[in-house]
Amino acid sequence: CVASGSIFSIYVMGWYRQAPGKQRELVATITSGGSTKYADS
């Protein structure tokens, strides 16, 4: 995922997914410093 602009580095970024017929769910996030969180699945 490529972001435009020069502010990218200060923000938390995340990945979500949405399967057919289901709600969008959070998969993982990463902070500007590299700390990560994941869905249990």
PDB file of all heavy atoms in Angstrom:
ATOM      1  N   CYS A   1       0.871  -1.182   0.000  1.00  0.00           N
ATOM      2  CA  CYS A   1       0.000   0.000   0.000  1.00  0.00           C
ATOM      3  C   CYS A   1       0.903   1.226   0.000  1.00  0.00           C
ATOM      4  O   CYS A   1       1.662   1.439   0.956  1.00  0.00           O
ATOM      5  CB  CYS A   1      -0.915  -0.001   1.208  1.00  0.00           C
ATOM      6  SG  CYS A   1      -1.877   1.514   1.418  1.00  0.00           S
ATOM      7  N   VAL A   2       0.811   1.985  -1.081  1.00  0.00           N
ATOM      8  CA  VAL A   2       1.625   3.192  -1.212  1.00  0.00           C
ATOM      9  C   VAL A   2       0.763   4.411  -0.923  1.00  0.00           C
ATOM     10  O   VAL A   2      -0.345   4.542  -1.467  1.00  0.00           O
ATOM     11  CB  VAL A   2       2.229   3.299  -2.619  1.00  0.00           C
ATOM     12  CG1 VAL A   2       3.081   4.555  -2.731  1.00  0.00           C
ATOM     13  CG2 VAL A   2       3.069   2.069  -2.933  1.00  0.00           C
ATOM     14  N   ALA A   3       1.271   5.290  -0.084  1.00  0.00           N
ATOM     15  CA  ALA A   3       0.541   6.502   0.287  1.00  0.00           C
ATOM     16  C   ALA A   3       1.163   7.733  -0.346  1.00  0.00           C
ATOM     17  O   ALA A   3       2.391   7.850  -0.430  1.00  0.00           O
ATOM     18  CB  ALA A   3       0.544   6.661   1.806  1.00  0.00           C
ATOM     19  N   SER A   4       0.309   8.629  -0.794  1.00  0.00           N
ATOM     20  CA  SER A   4       0.801   9.895  -1.320  1.00  0.00           C
ATOM     21  C   SER A   4       1.050  10.849  -0.158  1.00  0.00           C
ATOM     22  O   SER A   4       0.567  10.641   0.950  1.00  0.00           O
ATOM     23  CB  SER A   4      -0.226  10.506  -2.264  1.00  0.00           C
ATOM     24  OG  SER A   4      -1.422  10.803  -1.560  1.00  0.00           O
ATOM     25  N   GLY A   5       1.806  11.906  -0.395  1.00  0.00           N
ATOM     26  CA  GLY A   5       2.008  12.905   0.636  1.00  0.00           C
ATOM     27  C   GLY A   5       3.217  12.638   1.505  1.00  0.00           C
ATOM     28  O   GLY A   5       3.799  11.550   1.477  1.00  0.00           O
ATOM     29  N   SER A   6       3.579  13.622   2.280  1.00  0.00           N
ATOM     30  CA  SER A   6       4.800  13.553   3.082  1.00  0.00           C
ATOM     31  C   SER A   6       4.537  13.292   4.553  1.00  0.00           C
ATOM     32  O   SER A   6       5.455  13.330   5.359  1.00  0.00           O
ATOM     33  CB  SER A   6       5.578  14.866   2.940  1.00  0.00           C
ATOM     34  OG  SER A   6       4.779  15.957   3.378  1.00  0.00           O
ATOM     35  N   ILE A   7       3.276  13.006   4.910  1.00  0.00           N
ATOM     36  CA  ILE A   7       2.946  12.841   6.320  1.00  0.00           C
ATOM     37  C   ILE A   7       2.848  11.386   6.738  1.00  0.00           C
ATOM     38  O   ILE A   7       2.524  11.080   7.868  1.00  0.00           O
ATOM     39  CB  ILE A   7       1.609  13.538   6.652  1.00  0.00           C
ATOM     40  CG1 ILE A   7       0.475  12.933   5.818  1.00  0.00           C
ATOM     41  CG2 ILE A   7       1.740  15.039   6.434  1.00  0.00           C
ATOM     42  CD1 ILE A   7      -0.900  13.418   6.197  1.00  0.00           C
ATOM     43  N   PHE A   8       3.115  10.490   5.813  1.00  0.00           N
ATOM     44  CA  PHE A   8       2.914   9.055   6.037  1.00  0.00           C
ATOM     45  C   PHE A   8       3.575   8.577   7.316  1.00  0.00           C
ATOM     46  O   PHE A   8       2.982   7.827   8.092  1.00  0.00           O
ATOM     47  CB  PHE A   8       3.455   8.290   4.833  1.00  0.00           C
ATOM     48  CG  PHE A   8       3.504   6.802   5.004  1.00  0.00           C
ATOM     49  CD1 PHE A   8       2.382   6.032   4.759  1.00  0.00           C
ATOM     50  CD2 PHE A   8       4.675   6.162   5.398  1.00  0.00           C
ATOM     51  CE1 PHE A   8       2.420   4.645   4.900  1.00  0.00           C
ATOM     52  CE2 PHE A   8       4.715   4.786   5.550  1.00  0.00           C
ATOM     53  CZ  PHE A   8       3.588   4.030   5.299  1.00  0.00           C
ATOM     54  N   SER A   9       4.810   8.987   7.551  1.00  0.00           N
ATOM     55  CA  SER A   9       5.617   8.383   8.605  1.00  0.00           C
ATOM     56  C   SER A   9       5.073   8.621  10.015  1.00  0.00           C
ATOM     57  O   SER A   9       5.420   7.882  10.929  1.00  0.00           O
ATOM     58  CB  SER A   9       7.048   8.900   8.525  1.00  0.00           C
ATOM     59  OG  SER A   9       7.080  10.293   8.755  1.00  0.00           O
ATOM     60  N   ILE A  10       4.218   9.603  10.203  1.00  0.00           N
ATOM     61  CA  ILE A  10       3.768   9.908  11.561  1.00  0.00           C
ATOM     62  C   ILE A  10       2.486   9.191  11.937  1.00  0.00           C
ATOM     63  O   ILE A  10       2.056   9.249  13.086  1.00  0.00           O
ATOM     64  CB  ILE A  10       3.577  11.427  11.757  1.00  0.00           C
ATOM     65  CG1 ILE A  10       2.385  11.938  10.932  1.00  0.00           C
ATOM     66  CG2 ILE A  10       4.843  12.175  11.430  1.00  0.00           C
ATOM     67  CD1 ILE A  10       2.055  13.385  11.225  1.00  0.00           C
ATOM     68  N   TYR A  11       1.878   8.507  10.998  1.00  0.00           N
ATOM     69  CA  TYR A  11       0.576   7.907  11.241  1.00  0.00           C
ATOM     70  C   TYR A  11       0.620   6.405  11.453  1.00  0.00           C
ATOM     71  O   TYR A  11       1.481   5.708  10.905  1.00  0.00           O
ATOM     72  CB  TYR A  11      -0.373   8.201  10.073  1.00  0.00           C
ATOM     73  CG  TYR A  11      -0.899   9.615  10.079  1.00  0.00           C
ATOM     74  CD1 TYR A  11      -0.307  10.595   9.298  1.00  0.00           C
ATOM     75  CD2 TYR A  11      -1.986   9.957  10.866  1.00  0.00           C
ATOM     76  CE1 TYR A  11      -0.784  11.888   9.309  1.00  0.00           C
ATOM     77  CE2 TYR A  11      -2.466  11.245  10.878  1.00  0.00           C
ATOM     78  CZ  TYR A  11      -1.861  12.202  10.110  1.00  0.00           C
ATOM     79  OH  TYR A  11      -2.337  13.490  10.121  1.00  0.00           O
ATOM     80  N   VAL A  12      -0.353   5.948  12.229  1.00  0.00           N
ATOM     81  CA  VAL A  12      -0.614   4.513  12.316  1.00  0.00           C
ATOM     82  C   VAL A  12      -1.232   4.071  10.992  1.00  0.00           C
ATOM     83  O   VAL A  12      -2.107   4.749  10.445  1.00  0.00           O
ATOM     84  CB  VAL A  12      -1.573   4.191  13.474  1.00  0.00           C
ATOM     85  CG1 VAL A  12      -1.941   2.707  13.475  1.00  0.00           C
ATOM     86  CG2 VAL A  12      -0.964   4.592  14.804  1.00  0.00           C
ATOM     87  N   MET A  13      -0.757   2.956  10.490  1.00  0.00           N
ATOM     88  CA  MET A  13      -1.307   2.378   9.271  1.00  0.00           C
ATOM     89  C   MET A  13      -1.908   1.023   9.600  1.00  0.00           C
ATOM     90  O   MET A  13      -1.463   0.340  10.536  1.00  0.00           O
ATOM     91  CB  MET A  13      -0.229   2.204   8.213  1.00  0.00           C
ATOM     92  CG  MET A  13       0.440   3.488   7.791  1.00  0.00           C
ATOM     93  SD  MET A  13      -0.691   4.625   6.956  1.00  0.00           S
ATOM     94  CE  MET A  13      -1.120   3.677   5.490  1.00  0.00           C
ATOM     95  N   GLY A  14      -2.905   0.634   8.831  1.00  0.00           N
ATOM     96  CA  GLY A  14      -3.544  -0.639   9.108  1.00  0.00           C
ATOM     97  C   GLY A  14      -3.978  -1.356   7.852  1.00  0.00           C
ATOM     98  O   GLY A  14      -4.021  -0.774   6.759  1.00  0.00           O
ATOM     99  N   TRP A  15      -4.262  -2.614   8.018  1.00  0.00           N
ATOM    100  CA  TRP A  15      -4.874  -3.447   6.977  1.00  0.00           C
ATOM    101  C   TRP A  15      -6.178  -4.016   7.530  1.00  0.00           C
ATOM    102  O   TRP A  15      -6.220  -4.504   8.669  1.00  0.00           O
ATOM    103  CB  TRP A  15      -3.960  -4.600   6.571  1.00  0.00           C
ATOM    104  CG  TRP A  15      -2.816  -4.205   5.701  1.00  0.00           C
ATOM    105  CD1 TRP A  15      -1.541  -3.939   6.096  1.00  0.00           C
ATOM    106  CD2 TRP A  15      -2.832  -4.043   4.274  1.00  0.00           C
ATOM    107  NE1 TRP A  15      -0.767  -3.617   5.015  1.00  0.00           N
ATOM    108  CE2 TRP A  15      -1.532  -3.676   3.875  1.00  0.00           C
ATOM    109  CE3 TRP A  15      -3.814  -4.180   3.291  1.00  0.00           C
ATOM    110  CZ2 TRP A  15      -1.184  -3.439   2.544  1.00  0.00           C
ATOM    111  CZ3 TRP A  15      -3.473  -3.951   1.969  1.00  0.00           C
ATOM    112  CH2 TRP A  15      -2.177  -3.583   1.603  1.00  0.00           C
ATOM    113  N   TYR A  16      -7.218  -3.903   6.726  1.00  0.00           N
ATOM    114  CA  TYR A  16      -8.515  -4.499   7.016  1.00  0.00           C
ATOM    115  C   TYR A  16      -8.853  -5.457   5.883  1.00  0.00           C
ATOM    116  O   TYR A  16      -8.223  -5.427   4.816  1.00  0.00           O
ATOM    117  CB  TYR A  16      -9.605  -3.415   7.063  1.00  0.00           C
ATOM    118  CG  TYR A  16      -9.613  -2.548   8.291  1.00  0.00           C
ATOM    119  CD1 TYR A  16      -8.627  -1.598   8.512  1.00  0.00           C
ATOM    120  CD2 TYR A  16     -10.643  -2.648   9.222  1.00  0.00           C
ATOM    121  CE1 TYR A  16      -8.650  -0.784   9.631  1.00  0.00           C
ATOM    122  CE2 TYR A  16     -10.682  -1.829  10.348  1.00  0.00           C
ATOM    123  CZ  TYR A  16      -9.683  -0.898  10.537  1.00  0.00           C
ATOM    124  OH  TYR A  16      -9.720  -0.095  11.652  1.00  0.00           O
ATOM    125  N   ARG A  17      -9.858  -6.278   6.106  1.00  0.00           N
ATOM    126  CA  ARG A  17     -10.366  -7.118   5.027  1.00  0.00           C
ATOM    127  C   ARG A  17     -11.870  -7.254   5.154  1.00  0.00           C
ATOM    128  O   ARG A  17     -12.430  -7.147   6.249  1.00  0.00           O
ATOM    129  CB  ARG A  17      -9.703  -8.498   5.038  1.00  0.00           C
ATOM    130  CG  ARG A  17     -10.023  -9.364   6.239  1.00  0.00           C
ATOM    131  CD  ARG A  17      -9.226 -10.655   6.166  1.00  0.00           C
ATOM    132  NE  ARG A  17      -9.510 -11.534   7.315  1.00  0.00           N
ATOM    133  CZ  ARG A  17      -8.884 -12.683   7.534  1.00  0.00           C
ATOM    134  NH1 ARG A  17      -7.934 -13.088   6.691  1.00  0.00           N
ATOM    135  NH2 ARG A  17      -9.203 -13.405   8.583  1.00  0.00           N
ATOM    136  N   GLN A  18     -12.495  -7.501   4.014  1.00  0.00           N
ATOM    137  CA  GLN A  18     -13.944  -7.689   3.979  1.00  0.00           C
ATOM    138  C   GLN A  18     -14.269  -8.850   3.054  1.00  0.00           C
ATOM    139  O   GLN A  18     -14.018  -8.789   1.849  1.00  0.00           O
ATOM    140  CB  GLN A  18     -14.655  -6.428   3.507  1.00  0.00           C
ATOM    141  CG  GLN A  18     -16.168  -6.500   3.626  1.00  0.00           C
ATOM    142  CD  GLN A  18     -16.833  -5.146   3.470  1.00  0.00           C
ATOM    143  OE1 GLN A  18     -16.234  -4.197   2.962  1.00  0.00           O
ATOM    144  NE2 GLN A  18     -18.065  -5.030   3.927  1.00  0.00           N
ATOM    145  N   ALA A  19     -14.795  -9.896   3.657  1.00  0.00           N
ATOM    146  CA  ALA A  19     -15.220 -11.067   2.896  1.00  0.00           C
ATOM    147  C   ALA A  19     -16.661 -10.855   2.433  1.00  0.00           C
ATOM    148  O   ALA A  19     -17.408 -10.076   3.032  1.00  0.00           O
ATOM    149  CB  ALA A  19     -15.108 -12.310   3.765  1.00  0.00           C
ATOM    150  N   PRO A  20     -17.065 -11.565   1.392  1.00  0.00           N
ATOM    151  CA  PRO A  20     -18.440 -11.421   0.886  1.00  0.00           C
ATOM    152  C   PRO A  20     -19.478 -11.672   1.966  1.00  0.00           C
ATOM    153  O   PRO A  20     -19.413 -12.677   2.685  1.00  0.00           O
ATOM    154  CB  PRO A  20     -18.517 -12.489  -0.204  1.00  0.00           C
ATOM    155  CG  PRO A  20     -17.113 -12.672  -0.659  1.00  0.00           C
ATOM    156  CD  PRO A  20     -16.276 -12.501   0.568  1.00  0.00           C
ATOM    157  N   GLY A  21     -20.393 -10.738   2.128  1.00  0.00           N
ATOM    158  CA  GLY A  21     -21.467 -10.896   3.093  1.00  0.00           C
ATOM    159  C   GLY A  21     -21.074 -10.636   4.534  1.00  0.00           C
ATOM    160  O   GLY A  21     -21.887 -10.854   5.443  1.00  0.00           O
ATOM    161  N   LYS A  22     -19.845 -10.183   4.737  1.00  0.00           N
ATOM    162  CA  LYS A  22     -19.376  -9.950   6.108  1.00  0.00           C
ATOM    163  C   LYS A  22     -18.937  -8.503   6.281  1.00  0.00           C
ATOM    164  O   LYS A  22     -18.697  -7.792   5.320  1.00  0.00           O
ATOM    165  CB  LYS A  22     -18.222 -10.895   6.443  1.00  0.00           C
ATOM    166  CG  LYS A  22     -18.614 -12.358   6.471  1.00  0.00           C
ATOM    167  CD  LYS A  22     -17.474 -13.216   6.970  1.00  0.00           C
ATOM    168  CE  LYS A  22     -17.879 -14.672   7.075  1.00  0.00           C
ATOM    169  NZ  LYS A  22     -16.757 -15.525   7.588  1.00  0.00           N
ATOM    170  N   GLN A  23     -18.850  -8.108   7.542  1.00  0.00           N
ATOM    171  CA  GLN A  23     -18.375  -6.761   7.841  1.00  0.00           C
ATOM    172  C   GLN A  23     -16.860  -6.666   7.662  1.00  0.00           C
ATOM    173  O   GLN A  23     -16.146  -7.669   7.778  1.00  0.00           O
ATOM    174  CB  GLN A  23     -18.745  -6.388   9.279  1.00  0.00           C
ATOM    175  CG  GLN A  23     -20.222  -6.157   9.495  1.00  0.00           C
ATOM    176  CD  GLN A  23     -20.522  -5.603  10.877  1.00  0.00           C
ATOM    177  OE1 GLN A  23     -19.800  -5.887  11.831  1.00  0.00           O
ATOM    178  NE2 GLN A  23     -21.564  -4.798  10.993  1.00  0.00           N
ATOM    179  N   ARG A  24     -16.408  -5.458   7.380  1.00  0.00           N
ATOM    180  CA  ARG A  24     -14.976  -5.220   7.293  1.00  0.00           C
ATOM    181  C   ARG A  24     -14.351  -5.425   8.673  1.00  0.00           C
ATOM    182  O   ARG A  24     -14.885  -4.939   9.682  1.00  0.00           O
ATOM    183  CB  ARG A  24     -14.708  -3.805   6.791  1.00  0.00           C
ATOM    184  CG  ARG A  24     -13.287  -3.531   6.370  1.00  0.00           C
ATOM    185  CD  ARG A  24     -13.143  -2.174   5.706  1.00  0.00           C
ATOM    186  NE  ARG A  24     -13.914  -2.089   4.467  1.00  0.00           N
ATOM    187  CZ  ARG A  24     -13.804  -1.087   3.609  1.00  0.00           C
ATOM    188  NH1 ARG A  24     -12.968  -0.077   3.865  1.00  0.00           N
ATOM    189  NH2 ARG A  24     -14.532  -1.074   2.516  1.00  0.00           N
ATOM    190  N   GLU A  25     -13.238  -6.139   8.714  1.00  0.00           N
ATOM    191  CA  GLU A  25     -12.593  -6.425   9.989  1.00  0.00           C
ATOM    192  C   GLU A  25     -11.130  -6.008   9.965  1.00  0.00           C
ATOM    193  O   GLU A  25     -10.468  -6.086   8.929  1.00  0.00           O
ATOM    194  CB  GLU A  25     -12.694  -7.925  10.328  1.00  0.00           C
ATOM    195  CG  GLU A  25     -11.983  -8.842   9.365  1.00  0.00           C
ATOM    196  CD  GLU A  25     -11.972 -10.293   9.815  1.00  0.00           C
ATOM    197  OE1 GLU A  25     -12.404 -10.588  10.940  1.00  0.00           O
ATOM    198  OE2 GLU A  25     -11.512 -11.135   9.024  1.00  0.00           O
ATOM    199  N   LEU A  26     -10.648  -5.600  11.129  1.00  0.00           N
ATOM    200  CA  LEU A  26      -9.262  -5.202  11.260  1.00  0.00           C
ATOM    201  C   LEU A  26      -8.361  -6.428  11.259  1.00  0.00           C
ATOM    202  O   LEU A  26      -8.624  -7.400  11.963  1.00  0.00           O
ATOM    203  CB  LEU A  26      -9.073  -4.416  12.559  1.00  0.00           C
ATOM    204  CG  LEU A  26      -7.650  -3.953  12.879  1.00  0.00           C
ATOM    205  CD1 LEU A  26      -7.142  -2.992  11.822  1.00  0.00           C
ATOM    206  CD2 LEU A  26      -7.604  -3.325  14.254  1.00  0.00           C
ATOM    207  N   VAL A  27      -7.303  -6.364  10.460  1.00  0.00           N
ATOM    208  CA  VAL A  27      -6.350  -7.472  10.374  1.00  0.00           C
ATOM    209  C   VAL A  27      -5.095  -7.160  11.177  1.00  0.00           C
ATOM    210  O   VAL A  27      -4.647  -7.970  11.982  1.00  0.00           O
ATOM    211  CB  VAL A  27      -5.981  -7.745   8.906  1.00  0.00           C
ATOM    212  CG1 VAL A  27      -4.863  -8.767   8.811  1.00  0.00           C
ATOM    213  CG2 VAL A  27      -7.202  -8.210   8.127  1.00  0.00           C
ATOM    214  N   ALA A  28      -4.521  -5.966  10.956  1.00  0.00           N
ATOM    215  CA  ALA A  28      -3.266  -5.616  11.618  1.00  0.00           C
ATOM    216  C   ALA A  28      -3.058  -4.111  11.554  1.00  0.00           C
ATOM    217  O   ALA A  28      -3.562  -3.445  10.650  1.00  0.00           O
ATOM    218  CB  ALA A  28      -2.087  -6.331  10.953  1.00  0.00           C
ATOM    219  N   THR A  29      -2.304  -3.614  12.531  1.00  0.00           N
ATOM    220  CA  THR A  29      -1.914  -2.208  12.518  1.00  0.00           C
ATOM    221  C   THR A  29      -0.432  -2.085  12.857  1.00  0.00           C
ATOM    222  O   THR A  29       0.151  -2.984  13.489  1.00  0.00           O
ATOM    223  CB  THR A  29      -2.710  -1.365  13.531  1.00  0.00           C
ATOM    224  OG1 THR A  29      -2.494  -1.883  14.856  1.00  0.00           O
ATOM    225  CG2 THR A  29      -4.193  -1.364  13.226  1.00  0.00           C
ATOM    226  N   ILE A  30       0.156  -0.970  12.449  1.00  0.00           N
ATOM    227  CA  ILE A  30       1.546  -0.696  12.753  1.00  0.00           C
ATOM    228  C   ILE A  30       1.691   0.797  13.032  1.00  0.00           C
ATOM    229  O   ILE A  30       1.194   1.626  12.274  1.00  0.00           O
ATOM    230  CB  ILE A  30       2.479  -1.164  11.620  1.00  0.00           C
ATOM    231  CG1 ILE A  30       3.948  -0.983  12.001  1.00  0.00           C
ATOM    232  CG2 ILE A  30       2.156  -0.474  10.291  1.00  0.00           C
ATOM    233  CD1 ILE A  30       4.914  -1.719  11.075  1.00  0.00           C
ATOM    234  N   THR A  31       2.373   1.107  14.135  1.00  0.00           N
ATOM    235  CA  THR A  31       2.564   2.512  14.491  1.00  0.00           C
ATOM    236  C   THR A  31       3.741   3.103  13.724  1.00  0.00           C
ATOM    237  O   THR A  31       4.474   2.385  13.034  1.00  0.00           O
ATOM    238  CB  THR A  31       2.827   2.655  15.993  1.00  0.00           C
ATOM    239  OG1 THR A  31       4.109   2.079  16.302  1.00  0.00           O
ATOM    240  CG2 THR A  31       1.757   1.969  16.822  1.00  0.00           C
ATOM    241  N   SER A  32       3.921   4.402  13.881  1.00  0.00           N
ATOM    242  CA  SER A  32       5.047   5.057  13.221  1.00  0.00           C
ATOM    243  C   SER A  32       6.379   4.493  13.692  1.00  0.00           C
ATOM    244  O   SER A  32       7.351   4.464  12.933  1.00  0.00           O
ATOM    245  CB  SER A  32       4.995   6.566  13.482  1.00  0.00           C
ATOM    246  OG  SER A  32       5.024   6.834  14.879  1.00  0.00           O
ATOM    247  N   GLY A  33       6.408   4.003  14.929  1.00  0.00           N
ATOM    248  CA  GLY A  33       7.639   3.427  15.473  1.00  0.00           C
ATOM    249  C   GLY A  33       7.820   1.947  15.203  1.00  0.00           C
ATOM    250  O   GLY A  33       8.834   1.361  15.593  1.00  0.00           O
ATOM    251  N   GLY A  34       6.818   1.345  14.566  1.00  0.00           N
ATOM    252  CA  GLY A  34       6.942  -0.056  14.186  1.00  0.00           C
ATOM    253  C   GLY A  34       6.271  -1.052  15.119  1.00  0.00           C
ATOM    254  O   GLY A  34       6.391  -2.264  14.910  1.00  0.00           O
ATOM    255  N   SER A  35       5.549  -0.582  16.125  1.00  0.00           N
ATOM    256  CA  SER A  35       4.817  -1.509  16.985  1.00  0.00           C
ATOM    257  C   SER A  35       3.615  -2.068  16.232  1.00  0.00           C
ATOM    258  O   SER A  35       2.913  -1.316  15.552  1.00  0.00           O
ATOM    259  CB  SER A  35       4.348  -0.799  18.256  1.00  0.00           C
ATOM    260  OG  SER A  35       5.455  -0.370  19.013  1.00  0.00           O
ATOM    261  N   THR A  36       3.380  -3.359  16.392  1.00  0.00           N
ATOM    262  CA  THR A  36       2.337  -4.018  15.616  1.00  0.00           C
ATOM    263  C   THR A  36       1.284  -4.683  16.502  1.00  0.00           C
ATOM    264  O   THR A  36       1.560  -5.056  17.643  1.00  0.00           O
ATOM    265  CB  THR A  36       2.943  -5.088  14.700  1.00  0.00           C
ATOM    266  OG1 THR A  36       3.655  -6.047  15.503  1.00  0.00           O
ATOM    267  CG2 THR A  36       3.906  -4.468  13.701  1.00  0.00           C
ATOM    268  N   LYS A  37       0.090  -4.808  15.943  1.00  0.00           N
ATOM    269  CA  LYS A  37      -1.010  -5.551  16.562  1.00  0.00           C
ATOM    270  C   LYS A  37      -1.687  -6.363  15.470  1.00  0.00           C
ATOM    271  O   LYS A  37      -1.771  -5.925  14.324  1.00  0.00           O
ATOM    272  CB  LYS A  37      -2.016  -4.612  17.220  1.00  0.00           C
ATOM    273  CG  LYS A  37      -1.501  -3.891  18.445  1.00  0.00           C
ATOM    274  CD  LYS A  37      -2.599  -3.064  19.097  1.00  0.00           C
ATOM    275  CE  LYS A  37      -2.088  -2.350  20.341  1.00  0.00           C
ATOM    276  NZ  LYS A  37      -3.153  -1.534  20.989  1.00  0.00           N
ATOM    277  N   TYR A  38      -2.207  -7.541  15.860  1.00  0.00           N
ATOM    278  CA  TYR A  38      -2.842  -8.434  14.898  1.00  0.00           C
ATOM    279  C   TYR A  38      -4.154  -8.967  15.440  1.00  0.00           C
ATOM    280  O   TYR A  38      -4.315  -9.170  16.655  1.00  0.00           O
ATOM    281  CB  TYR A  38      -1.930  -9.623  14.596  1.00  0.00           C
ATOM    282  CG  TYR A  38      -0.629  -9.251  13.931  1.00  0.00           C
ATOM    283  CD1 TYR A  38       0.513  -9.014  14.687  1.00  0.00           C
ATOM    284  CD2 TYR A  38      -0.550  -9.139  12.545  1.00  0.00           C
ATOM    285  CE1 TYR A  38       1.707  -8.664  14.083  1.00  0.00           C
ATOM    286  CE2 TYR A  38       0.644  -8.795  11.931  1.00  0.00           C
ATOM    287  CZ  TYR A  38       1.754  -8.562  12.704  1.00  0.00           C
ATOM    288  OH  TYR A  38       2.941  -8.213  12.096  1.00  0.00           O
ATOM    289  N   ALA A  39      -5.065  -9.248  14.535  1.00  0.00           N
ATOM    290  CA  ALA A  39      -6.255  -9.999  14.898  1.00  0.00           C
ATOM    291  C   ALA A  39      -5.842 -11.415  15.260  1.00  0.00           C
ATOM    292  O   ALA A  39      -4.890 -11.966  14.691  1.00  0.00           O
ATOM    293  CB  ALA A  39      -7.238 -10.018  13.726  1.00  0.00           C
ATOM    294  N   ASP A  40      -6.552 -12.006  16.206  1.00  0.00           N
ATOM    295  CA  ASP A  40      -6.199 -13.363  16.646  1.00  0.00           C
ATOM    296  C   ASP A  40      -6.212 -14.352  15.483  1.00  0.00           C
ATOM    297  O   ASP A  40      -5.413 -15.293  15.450  1.00  0.00           O
ATOM    298  CB  ASP A  40      -7.173 -13.826  17.731  1.00  0.00           C
ATOM    299  CG  ASP A  40      -6.955 -13.117  19.058  1.00  0.00           C
ATOM    300  OD1 ASP A  40      -5.869 -12.524  19.243  1.00  0.00           O
ATOM    301  OD2 ASP A  40      -7.868 -13.147  19.895  1.00  0.00           O
ATOM    302  N   SER A  41      -7.087 -14.142  14.532  1.00  0.00           N
ATOM    303  CA  SER A  41      -7.245 -15.096  13.439  1.00  0.00           C
ATOM    304  C   SER A  41      -6.058 -15.130  12.489  1.00  0.00           C
ATOM    305  O   SER A  41      -5.925 -16.073  11.707  1.00  0.00           O
ATOM    306  CB  SER A  41      -8.511 -14.761  12.637  1.00  0.00           C
ATOM    307  OG  SER A  41      -8.446 -13.454  12.107  1.00  0.00           O
TER     308      SER A  41
END
